[in-house]
Amino acid sequence: MSVARRSQGWLYRALTCGALLAGAALALPAPVAHADPSPSAGEQASDSGFLHDLPPDQPAPPLGLSQQELRSLLKRLQNLHRQAEEATEQYKGAKEKRDRQRQVVKDLTRELDDQREEVRENRAEAGRLARKQYRQSGLSDYGILLLSDDPQEAFDRSHDLNRAAEAQAEVVRRLQDTQKNLDKVVTKQRAALKKAERYAEDQRKARDRVEDRVAKVEDIVSTLTGVQLEELRRLEEDGFDAAQAEFLASGALGKGNRAASDGGQTAVAWAFKQLGDPYVWGAEGPDAFDCSGLTSQAWAAAGTPIPRTSQEQWKQLPRIPLNLLRPGDLVIYYPGATHVGMYIGNGKIVHAPRTGDVVKVAPVGGMPILGAVRPDPGASAGDGKVPVVPER
């Protein structure tokens, strides 16, 4: 493949992300007016480096870069991609919270309708008993006894009136309790609605952060020549290879391959079927994925649901040492757990890297590893086979 062709492909992938973002943004709820938060210390630190002092009207670097400047530019682009991925995970987390809260609102609305119906029924019963007691309460118990020809009949009538009064008091008590419950449900529903609105706003802000980071990448890449793009690609691959060599030399991965569980083999085989599918932030198939969308759907296909975001996968799934990794286990990257790949054996992962790229196989140590988790800790190893990467 020629230098020009490889460079054009790199540039094309970088420039296509704007259209993908526009499509994803259509599914977002209408924004609620709130003040945008200040950037975190981590974001500020990640934004430092080459070009950080450029004015807003000059976001891209000048042409004719030296080797050192290209290395600084590569670091800058990688930082922007990581920030975009971090914002993507925040977007998905906010979306999950919003969806859960909307379900809470639906459940509370049904409960509210039931409580209102119970209030109506109790009020009707209280009114019926009040009217009945009014019609029958013209005489006192003593008067009924004096005027009656049958003392037993008089006693029975008096007893019925007393029971009616007790029944009315019970209905009134139930009515009061139901009204209190109704008030509580109304309060809960209002609080749930506010939470849903807040999560929707968090989702919008996370989307805006992704768009901002990707726009910066587009601005930088659009000024580079084909030769510069090819050099950036080569520098990045060299960096991955060097990091992998250092990781393997450390002995952290242990020796040899470990057999996958049946579920792990199924998850890896499913992920292999997605090789070449484009990365789209927030996507979970069927024809595009982000990093945690790929891993969560792969394990869902294996019959083991796992959390949707890389942060929650790191937080909720059982952690394992790297020297016990087996195919199907998940490797979490970066201090904020903002990226995840699936281990496939032989020191490699399958993952959805970033906007503009595709699902691919990569060295496990090419990025800073936070740790590893196992979706099926109780499952025993299968037949001992290591999944084979299909020819593409």
Protein backbone atom coordinates (compact mmCIF):
# COMPACT_ATOMS: atom_id res chain seq x y z
CA MET A 1 0.00 0.00 0.00
CA SER A 2 1.42 3.40 -0.97
CA VAL A 3 2.23 6.17 1.48
CA ALA A 4 -0.37 8.42 -0.08
CA ARG A 5 -3.10 5.79 0.19
CA ARG A 6 -2.38 4.99 3.84
CA SER A 7 -2.24 8.69 4.69
CA GLN A 8 -5.50 9.42 2.92
CA GLY A 9 -7.18 6.62 4.86
CA TRP A 10 -5.91 8.01 8.16
CA LEU A 11 -7.13 11.48 7.20
CA TYR A 12 -10.47 10.20 5.95
CA ARG A 13 -11.15 8.36 9.20
CA ALA A 14 -10.29 11.42 11.22
CA LEU A 15 -12.57 13.67 9.19
CA THR A 16 -15.59 11.34 9.09
CA CYS A 17 -16.23 11.62 12.83
CA GLY A 18 -18.08 14.93 12.50
CA ALA A 19 -20.88 13.31 10.53
CA LEU A 20 -21.08 10.44 13.02
CA LEU A 21 -21.39 12.87 15.90
CA ALA A 22 -24.14 14.81 14.19
CA GLY A 23 -26.17 11.64 13.75
CA ALA A 24 -25.66 10.53 17.34
CA ALA A 25 -26.65 13.93 18.69
CA LEU A 26 -30.13 13.67 17.13
CA ALA A 27 -31.14 11.12 19.76
CA LEU A 28 -30.43 13.43 22.66
CA PRO A 29 -33.17 15.11 24.70
CA ALA A 30 -33.78 18.83 24.51
CA PRO A 31 -31.22 20.65 26.66
CA VAL A 32 -32.12 22.25 29.97
CA ALA A 33 -30.48 25.59 30.75
CA HIS A 34 -27.66 25.22 33.27
CA ALA A 35 -24.22 26.75 33.62
CA ASP A 36 -21.42 24.64 32.08
CA PRO A 37 -18.90 23.38 34.63
CA SER A 38 -15.28 24.43 34.54
CA PRO A 39 -12.88 21.90 32.97
CA SER A 40 -11.43 19.42 35.40
CA ALA A 41 -7.81 19.42 36.41
CA GLY A 42 -7.36 16.24 34.39
CA GLU A 43 -8.76 17.88 31.27
CA GLN A 44 -6.53 20.89 31.73
CA ALA A 45 -3.51 18.69 32.19
CA SER A 46 -4.36 16.60 29.14
CA ASP A 47 -4.79 19.73 27.04
CA SER A 48 -1.29 20.95 27.84
CA GLY A 49 1.61 20.46 25.44
CA PHE A 50 2.13 21.35 21.80
CA LEU A 51 -0.26 24.03 20.49
CA HIS A 52 -1.73 24.78 23.92
CA ASP A 53 -0.96 28.48 23.54
CA LEU A 54 -2.39 28.86 20.04
CA PRO A 55 -5.19 31.45 19.73
CA PRO A 56 -8.73 30.22 18.93
CA ASP A 57 -8.47 31.33 15.29
CA GLN A 58 -5.32 29.22 14.77
CA PRO A 59 -6.10 25.78 16.23
CA ALA A 60 -3.94 23.84 13.78
CA PRO A 61 -0.16 23.61 13.64
CA PRO A 62 1.93 25.21 10.90
CA LEU A 63 3.24 23.01 8.10
CA GLY A 64 6.88 21.96 7.86
CA LEU A 65 7.09 20.29 11.26
CA SER A 66 10.30 18.85 12.64
CA GLN A 67 10.49 15.30 13.98
CA GLN A 68 10.20 16.56 17.55
CA GLU A 69 7.23 18.71 16.64
CA LEU A 70 5.56 15.71 15.01
CA ARG A 71 6.08 13.73 18.21
CA SER A 72 4.55 16.56 20.22
CA LEU A 73 1.67 16.74 17.76
CA LEU A 74 1.07 12.99 18.05
CA LYS A 75 0.93 13.32 21.84
CA ARG A 76 -1.52 16.19 21.44
CA LEU A 77 -3.77 14.15 19.13
CA GLN A 78 -3.64 11.14 21.46
CA ASN A 79 -4.60 13.35 24.40
CA LEU A 80 -7.57 14.71 22.47
CA HIS A 81 -8.68 11.20 21.53
CA ARG A 82 -8.45 10.09 25.17
CA GLN A 83 -10.48 13.11 26.28
CA ALA A 84 -13.08 12.28 23.64
CA GLU A 85 -13.25 8.69 24.87
CA GLU A 86 -13.54 9.83 28.48
CA ALA A 87 -16.41 12.13 27.51
CA THR A 88 -17.98 9.25 25.56
CA GLU A 89 -18.01 7.05 28.67
CA GLN A 90 -19.49 9.94 30.67
CA TYR A 91 -22.14 10.34 27.98
CA LYS A 92 -23.11 6.68 28.19
CA GLY A 93 -23.14 6.75 31.98
CA ALA A 94 -25.40 9.80 31.99
CA LYS A 95 -27.66 8.17 29.40
CA GLU A 96 -28.02 5.03 31.53
CA LYS A 97 -28.87 7.10 34.60
CA ARG A 98 -31.38 9.13 32.63
CA ASP A 99 -33.05 6.01 31.24
CA ARG A 100 -33.25 4.42 34.71
CA GLN A 101 -34.69 7.59 36.17
CA ARG A 102 -37.29 7.81 33.42
CA GLN A 103 -38.36 4.27 34.29
CA VAL A 104 -38.64 5.36 37.94
CA VAL A 105 -40.89 8.21 36.82
CA LYS A 106 -43.08 5.78 34.85
CA ASP A 107 -43.38 3.42 37.83
CA LEU A 108 -44.22 6.30 40.16
CA THR A 109 -46.81 7.61 37.71
CA ARG A 110 -48.56 4.23 37.74
CA GLU A 111 -48.39 4.17 41.54
CA LEU A 112 -49.78 7.69 41.60
CA ASP A 113 -52.73 6.68 39.44
CA ASP A 114 -53.44 3.71 41.74
CA GLN A 115 -53.30 5.92 44.84
CA ARG A 116 -55.64 8.47 43.27
CA GLU A 117 -58.12 5.73 42.41
CA GLU A 118 -57.98 4.44 45.99
CA VAL A 119 -58.59 7.96 47.31
CA ARG A 120 -61.64 8.28 45.06
CA GLU A 121 -63.03 4.93 46.22
CA ASN A 122 -62.49 5.73 49.91
CA ARG A 123 -64.11 9.12 49.53
CA ALA A 124 -67.14 7.55 47.85
CA GLU A 125 -67.43 4.93 50.60
CA ALA A 126 -67.11 7.58 53.31
CA GLY A 127 -69.87 9.61 51.68
CA ARG A 128 -72.16 6.59 51.38
CA LEU A 129 -71.73 5.71 55.05
CA ALA A 130 -72.22 9.31 56.12
CA ARG A 131 -75.53 9.51 54.25
CA LYS A 132 -76.68 6.18 55.69
CA GLN A 133 -75.82 7.22 59.23
CA TYR A 134 -77.60 10.53 58.76
CA ARG A 135 -80.80 8.77 57.69
CA GLN A 136 -80.69 6.32 60.63
CA SER A 137 -79.52 8.60 63.40
CA GLY A 138 -82.73 10.48 64.22
CA LEU A 139 -83.12 8.81 67.62
CA SER A 140 -80.73 7.91 70.36
CA ASP A 141 -80.27 4.30 71.44
CA TYR A 142 -82.53 4.94 74.48
CA GLY A 143 -85.26 6.45 72.30
CA ILE A 144 -85.15 3.49 69.92
CA LEU A 145 -85.58 1.11 72.87
CA LEU A 146 -88.58 3.02 74.33
CA LEU A 147 -90.46 3.26 71.02
CA SER A 148 -89.82 -0.27 69.85
CA ASP A 149 -92.34 -3.10 70.43
CA ASP A 150 -89.50 -5.63 70.29
CA PRO A 151 -86.52 -4.92 72.61
CA GLN A 152 -84.32 -7.39 70.68
CA GLU A 153 -85.06 -5.61 67.41
CA ALA A 154 -84.23 -2.30 69.07
CA PHE A 155 -80.96 -3.71 70.35
CA ASP A 156 -80.06 -5.09 66.92
CA ARG A 157 -80.80 -1.75 65.25
CA SER A 158 -78.69 0.12 67.78
CA HIS A 159 -75.87 -2.36 67.26
CA ASP A 160 -76.07 -1.90 63.48
CA LEU A 161 -75.83 1.87 63.87
CA ASN A 162 -72.76 1.55 66.07
CA ARG A 163 -71.11 -0.76 63.57
CA ALA A 164 -71.91 1.68 60.77
CA ALA A 165 -70.28 4.47 62.76
CA GLU A 166 -67.19 2.34 63.33
CA ALA A 167 -67.06 1.44 59.64
CA GLN A 168 -67.30 5.09 58.70
CA ALA A 169 -64.46 5.95 61.08
CA GLU A 170 -62.34 3.19 59.51
CA VAL A 171 -63.05 4.47 55.99
CA VAL A 172 -62.10 8.00 57.05
CA ARG A 173 -58.86 6.66 58.53
CA ARG A 174 -58.07 4.79 55.31
CA LEU A 175 -58.87 7.91 53.33
CA GLN A 176 -56.46 9.96 55.42
CA ASP A 177 -53.70 7.32 55.07
CA THR A 178 -54.24 7.06 51.33
CA GLN A 179 -54.07 10.82 50.95
CA LYS A 180 -50.77 10.86 52.86
CA ASN A 181 -49.39 8.13 50.59
CA LEU A 182 -50.59 10.07 47.58
CA ASP A 183 -48.73 13.16 48.76
CA LYS A 184 -45.55 11.09 49.23
CA VAL A 185 -45.79 9.62 45.73
CA VAL A 186 -46.30 13.09 44.23
CA THR A 187 -43.17 14.30 46.04
CA LYS A 188 -41.16 11.30 44.82
CA GLN A 189 -42.36 11.78 41.27
CA ARG A 190 -41.35 15.44 41.23
CA ALA A 191 -37.89 14.56 42.58
CA ALA A 192 -37.51 11.79 39.97
CA LEU A 193 -38.44 14.19 37.18
CA LYS A 194 -35.80 16.65 38.37
CA LYS A 195 -33.19 13.89 38.42
CA ALA A 196 -34.11 12.81 34.90
CA GLU A 197 -33.74 16.40 33.70
CA ARG A 198 -30.35 16.69 35.42
CA TYR A 199 -29.07 13.47 33.85
CA ALA A 200 -30.29 14.63 30.45
CA GLU A 201 -28.30 17.84 30.93
CA ASP A 202 -25.22 15.83 31.96
CA GLN A 203 -25.67 13.81 28.79
CA ARG A 204 -25.79 16.95 26.66
CA LYS A 205 -22.64 18.35 28.26
CA ALA A 206 -20.77 15.09 27.72
CA ARG A 207 -21.84 15.09 24.07
CA ASP A 208 -20.60 18.67 23.69
CA ARG A 209 -17.23 17.71 25.18
CA VAL A 210 -16.87 14.88 22.68
CA GLU A 211 -17.73 17.17 19.79
CA ASP A 212 -15.25 19.78 21.01
CA ARG A 213 -12.37 17.29 21.27
CA VAL A 214 -13.09 15.72 17.88
CA ALA A 215 -13.38 19.15 16.23
CA LYS A 216 -9.91 19.99 17.53
CA VAL A 217 -8.55 16.78 16.02
CA GLU A 218 -10.21 17.60 12.70
CA ASP A 219 -8.76 21.11 12.70
CA ILE A 220 -5.25 19.80 13.29
CA VAL A 221 -5.41 16.90 10.82
CA SER A 222 -6.92 19.02 8.04
CA THR A 223 -3.68 21.05 7.72
CA LEU A 224 -1.28 18.09 7.51
CA THR A 225 0.25 16.73 4.33
CA GLY A 226 0.11 13.08 3.33
CA VAL A 227 3.76 12.63 4.29
CA GLN A 228 3.14 14.13 7.74
CA LEU A 229 0.10 11.90 8.28
CA GLU A 230 2.12 8.83 7.33
CA GLU A 231 4.88 9.86 9.71
CA LEU A 232 2.35 10.29 12.53
CA ARG A 233 0.98 6.82 11.84
CA ARG A 234 4.48 5.33 11.90
CA LEU A 235 5.38 7.14 15.13
CA GLU A 236 2.22 5.88 16.80
CA GLU A 237 2.80 2.28 15.73
CA ASP A 238 6.40 2.48 16.94
CA GLY A 239 5.13 3.74 20.30
CA PHE A 240 2.67 0.85 20.60
CA ASP A 241 5.36 -1.70 19.70
CA ALA A 242 7.83 -0.24 22.22
CA ALA A 243 5.21 -0.21 24.98
CA GLN A 244 4.26 -3.83 24.19
CA ALA A 245 7.89 -4.96 24.27
CA GLU A 246 8.43 -3.28 27.64
CA PHE A 247 5.23 -4.81 29.03
CA LEU A 248 6.12 -8.34 27.90
CA ALA A 249 9.67 -7.96 29.22
CA SER A 250 8.31 -7.07 32.65
CA GLY A 251 6.83 -10.56 33.02
CA ALA A 252 3.50 -9.11 34.22
CA LEU A 253 1.58 -11.27 31.74
CA GLY A 254 3.08 -14.51 32.99
CA LYS A 255 4.14 -17.40 30.79
CA GLY A 256 2.12 -19.24 28.18
CA ASN A 257 -1.56 -19.03 27.32
CA ARG A 258 -4.43 -19.95 29.60
CA ALA A 259 -7.55 -21.69 28.34
CA ALA A 260 -10.71 -19.66 27.92
CA SER A 261 -14.03 -20.57 29.48
CA ASP A 262 -16.81 -21.59 27.13
CA GLY A 263 -18.36 -18.14 27.61
CA GLY A 264 -15.02 -16.45 26.96
CA GLN A 265 -14.57 -18.37 23.70
CA THR A 266 -18.07 -17.37 22.61
CA ALA A 267 -17.46 -13.71 23.49
CA VAL A 268 -14.14 -13.60 21.60
CA ALA A 269 -15.62 -15.35 18.57
CA TRP A 270 -18.47 -12.83 18.53
CA ALA A 271 -16.02 -9.91 18.77
CA PHE A 272 -13.99 -11.34 15.87
CA LYS A 273 -17.11 -11.13 13.69
CA GLN A 274 -17.10 -7.36 14.26
CA LEU A 275 -13.51 -6.83 13.00
CA GLY A 276 -13.49 -3.91 10.58
CA ASP A 277 -16.69 -2.36 11.93
CA PRO A 278 -16.28 1.39 12.52
CA TYR A 279 -15.89 3.00 15.93
CA VAL A 280 -18.81 5.30 16.72
CA TRP A 281 -18.98 6.86 20.16
CA GLY A 282 -21.93 5.60 22.17
CA ALA A 283 -22.64 2.77 19.69
CA GLU A 284 -23.27 -0.84 20.67
CA GLY A 285 -23.96 -2.45 17.29
CA PRO A 286 -24.98 -4.02 15.16
CA ASP A 287 -22.60 -2.43 12.64
CA ALA A 288 -20.63 0.08 14.77
CA PHE A 289 -19.24 0.08 18.31
CA ASP A 290 -17.34 2.04 20.89
CA CYS A 291 -14.91 0.25 23.21
CA SER A 292 -17.33 -0.80 25.96
CA GLY A 293 -20.17 -1.28 23.48
CA LEU A 294 -18.10 -4.02 21.85
CA THR A 295 -17.19 -5.78 25.10
CA SER A 296 -20.67 -5.55 26.62
CA GLN A 297 -22.36 -6.89 23.48
CA ALA A 298 -19.79 -9.67 23.09
CA TRP A 299 -20.48 -10.94 26.59
CA ALA A 300 -24.22 -10.48 26.13
CA ALA A 301 -23.91 -12.79 23.12
CA ALA A 302 -22.19 -15.28 25.44
CA GLY A 303 -25.15 -15.11 27.83
CA THR A 304 -23.47 -12.98 30.51
CA PRO A 305 -24.76 -9.39 30.74
CA ILE A 306 -22.13 -6.93 31.99
CA PRO A 307 -22.20 -3.16 32.66
CA ARG A 308 -22.38 -0.86 29.67
CA THR A 309 -19.44 1.49 30.35
CA SER A 310 -15.74 0.77 30.87
CA GLN A 311 -15.82 2.53 34.27
CA GLU A 312 -18.68 0.34 35.49
CA GLN A 313 -17.05 -2.78 34.08
CA TRP A 314 -13.95 -1.92 36.11
CA LYS A 315 -16.02 -1.04 39.16
CA GLN A 316 -18.45 -3.96 39.22
CA LEU A 317 -16.70 -6.98 37.68
CA PRO A 318 -14.27 -9.14 39.70
CA ARG A 319 -10.65 -8.07 39.22
CA ILE A 320 -7.89 -10.51 38.37
CA PRO A 321 -4.09 -10.24 38.16
CA LEU A 322 -2.65 -9.83 34.68
CA ASN A 323 -0.72 -13.10 34.94
CA LEU A 324 -4.06 -14.95 35.09
CA LEU A 325 -5.54 -13.38 31.96
CA ARG A 326 -7.45 -15.78 29.74
CA PRO A 327 -9.30 -15.10 26.46
CA GLY A 328 -12.53 -13.23 27.13
CA ASP A 329 -11.22 -11.29 30.13
CA LEU A 330 -11.38 -7.50 29.87
CA VAL A 331 -8.32 -5.27 30.08
CA ILE A 332 -9.03 -1.76 31.39
CA TYR A 333 -6.83 1.15 30.33
CA TYR A 334 -5.86 4.59 31.66
CA PRO A 335 -6.27 5.89 35.23
CA GLY A 336 -9.90 6.88 34.67
CA ALA A 337 -10.85 3.44 33.24
CA THR A 338 -11.82 5.19 30.01
CA HIS A 339 -10.93 2.39 27.59
CA VAL A 340 -11.43 -1.37 27.52
CA GLY A 341 -10.39 -4.22 25.27
CA MET A 342 -10.99 -7.98 25.31
CA TYR A 343 -8.01 -10.25 25.78
CA ILE A 344 -7.71 -12.94 23.08
CA GLY A 345 -4.47 -14.66 24.09
CA ASN A 346 -0.91 -14.41 22.77
CA GLY A 347 -0.49 -10.96 24.29
CA LYS A 348 -3.23 -9.36 22.19
CA ILE A 349 -6.66 -7.77 22.56
CA VAL A 350 -9.56 -7.04 20.25
CA HIS A 351 -11.00 -3.56 20.75
CA ALA A 352 -12.74 -0.56 19.20
CA PRO A 353 -9.96 2.05 19.48
CA ARG A 354 -11.35 5.54 18.81
CA THR A 355 -13.29 7.80 16.48
CA GLY A 356 -12.16 7.34 12.88
CA ASP A 357 -10.83 3.82 13.47
CA VAL A 358 -12.31 0.32 13.29
CA VAL A 359 -12.59 -2.77 15.49
CA LYS A 360 -9.17 -4.42 15.33
CA VAL A 361 -6.63 -6.64 17.06
CA ALA A 362 -3.88 -4.80 18.97
CA PRO A 363 -1.05 -5.52 21.44
CA VAL A 364 -2.33 -5.76 25.01
CA GLY A 365 0.46 -3.55 26.37
CA GLY A 366 0.23 -0.79 23.78
CA MET A 367 -1.66 1.50 26.18
CA PRO A 368 -1.28 2.14 29.92
CA ILE A 369 -3.04 -0.75 31.69
CA LEU A 370 -5.12 -0.03 34.78
CA GLY A 371 -6.03 -3.66 35.45
CA ALA A 372 -8.15 -6.59 34.30
CA VAL A 373 -11.60 -7.98 35.15
CA ARG A 374 -13.35 -11.29 34.49
CA PRO A 375 -17.06 -11.35 33.55
CA ASP A 376 -17.43 -15.07 34.41
CA PRO A 377 -15.21 -15.71 37.45
CA GLY A 378 -17.02 -18.90 38.40
CA ALA A 379 -16.67 -20.55 34.99
CA SER A 380 -14.02 -23.21 34.48
CA ALA A 381 -11.67 -23.34 31.52
CA GLY A 382 -12.93 -24.93 28.34
CA ASP A 383 -11.08 -27.16 25.86
CA GLY A 384 -7.83 -25.20 26.15
CA LYS A 385 -7.93 -23.73 22.66
CA VAL A 386 -6.75 -20.17 22.11
CA PRO A 387 -9.03 -18.28 19.69
CA VAL A 388 -7.47 -17.81 16.26
CA VAL A 389 -7.69 -14.36 14.70
CA PRO A 390 -9.62 -14.76 11.44
CA GLU A 391 -8.00 -13.80 8.15
CA ARG A 392 -9.13 -10.42 6.90
